[in-house]
Protein backbone atom coordinates (compact mmCIF):
# COMPACT_ATOMS: atom_id res chain seq x y z
CA MET A 1 -0.02 0.16 -0.08
CA LYS A 2 0.96 3.29 -0.82
CA SER A 3 1.63 6.01 1.78
CA ARG A 4 0.72 9.61 1.04
CA GLU A 5 4.45 11.01 1.39
CA ASN A 6 5.42 8.56 -1.45
CA ALA A 7 2.04 9.54 -3.48
CA ILE A 8 2.99 11.51 -6.94
CA TYR A 9 0.80 13.81 -8.56
CA ASP A 10 0.48 14.62 -12.18
CA THR A 11 -0.37 17.94 -13.66
CA THR A 12 -4.28 17.27 -13.47
CA LYS A 13 -4.18 16.43 -9.38
CA LEU A 14 -1.77 19.69 -9.04
CA ALA A 15 -4.02 22.25 -11.23
CA LYS A 16 -7.09 20.85 -8.85
CA PHE A 17 -4.99 21.26 -5.66
CA PHE A 18 -3.61 24.77 -6.79
CA GLY A 19 -6.89 25.78 -8.40
CA VAL A 20 -5.25 26.73 -11.30
CA THR A 21 -5.75 25.12 -15.19
CA GLU A 22 -3.42 22.32 -16.27
CA ARG A 23 -1.40 24.86 -18.42
CA THR A 24 -0.46 27.03 -15.35
CA VAL A 25 1.19 24.05 -13.75
CA LEU A 26 2.91 22.84 -16.88
CA GLU A 27 4.13 26.42 -17.11
CA TRP A 28 5.51 26.32 -13.50
CA CYS A 29 7.06 22.59 -13.81
CA ARG A 30 8.86 24.01 -16.96
CA LYS A 31 10.10 27.03 -15.13
CA GLY A 32 11.33 24.98 -12.19
CA LYS A 33 8.71 26.91 -9.55
CA LEU A 34 7.33 23.06 -8.77
CA PRO A 35 9.87 20.49 -7.43
CA ALA A 36 8.73 18.45 -10.41
CA PHE A 37 10.10 15.55 -12.70
CA LYS A 38 9.69 14.17 -15.93
CA ILE A 39 8.51 10.54 -16.83
CA GLY A 40 8.38 10.46 -20.37
CA LYS A 41 6.30 13.35 -21.61
CA GLN A 42 4.43 13.69 -18.45
CA TRP A 43 5.35 15.97 -15.56
CA ARG A 44 4.89 14.15 -12.12
CA VAL A 45 5.50 15.91 -8.54
CA ARG A 46 6.18 13.53 -5.25
CA VAL A 47 3.71 15.05 -2.40
CA ILE A 48 6.40 14.78 0.18
CA ASP A 49 8.31 17.64 -1.86
CA LEU A 50 5.25 19.65 -2.46
CA GLN A 51 4.89 19.72 0.91
CA LYS A 52 8.42 20.63 1.83
CA MET A 53 8.17 23.47 -0.82
CA ILE A 54 5.12 24.81 0.81
CA ASN A 55 6.42 24.13 4.28
CA HIS A 56 9.58 26.23 3.30
CA LYS A 57 7.65 29.12 1.67
CA VAL A 58 5.42 29.65 5.18
CA LEU A 59 8.26 29.50 6.77
CA THR A 60 10.05 32.15 5.17
CA ARG A 61 7.37 34.14 5.07
CA ARG A 62 6.81 33.97 8.76
CA ASP A 63 10.18 34.53 9.22
CA SER A 64 10.54 37.85 6.88
CA ARG A 65 7.09 39.30 9.15
CA TYR A 66 8.65 38.76 12.31
CA THR A 67 12.33 40.57 11.13
CA THR A 68 10.64 43.18 9.34
CA SER A 69 8.45 44.19 12.21
CA LEU A 70 11.35 44.25 14.82
CA LEU A 71 13.34 46.52 12.47
C-alpha cells in the first residue's frame, strides 16, 4: 500500500490542488517553480517534495514578517 508521502501527483491533480489550469501547472513545471520531474512526456511531483516546498515558503514568510517588524 502506498503511503501519502510516497504519492505522486500528475498535472491534473496539481491543477485541482492549486485551483489553476493544467496549462499553468505545466508552465510552473517547465520554469522550475514546482519540484517536478518528467516520466516520458508527463510531469510529476512527489507529494513530500510539494509539502517541503510549501512549508519552506510559509516559514520564510513568517520569518521575514517577524524580522521586518523588529526593524
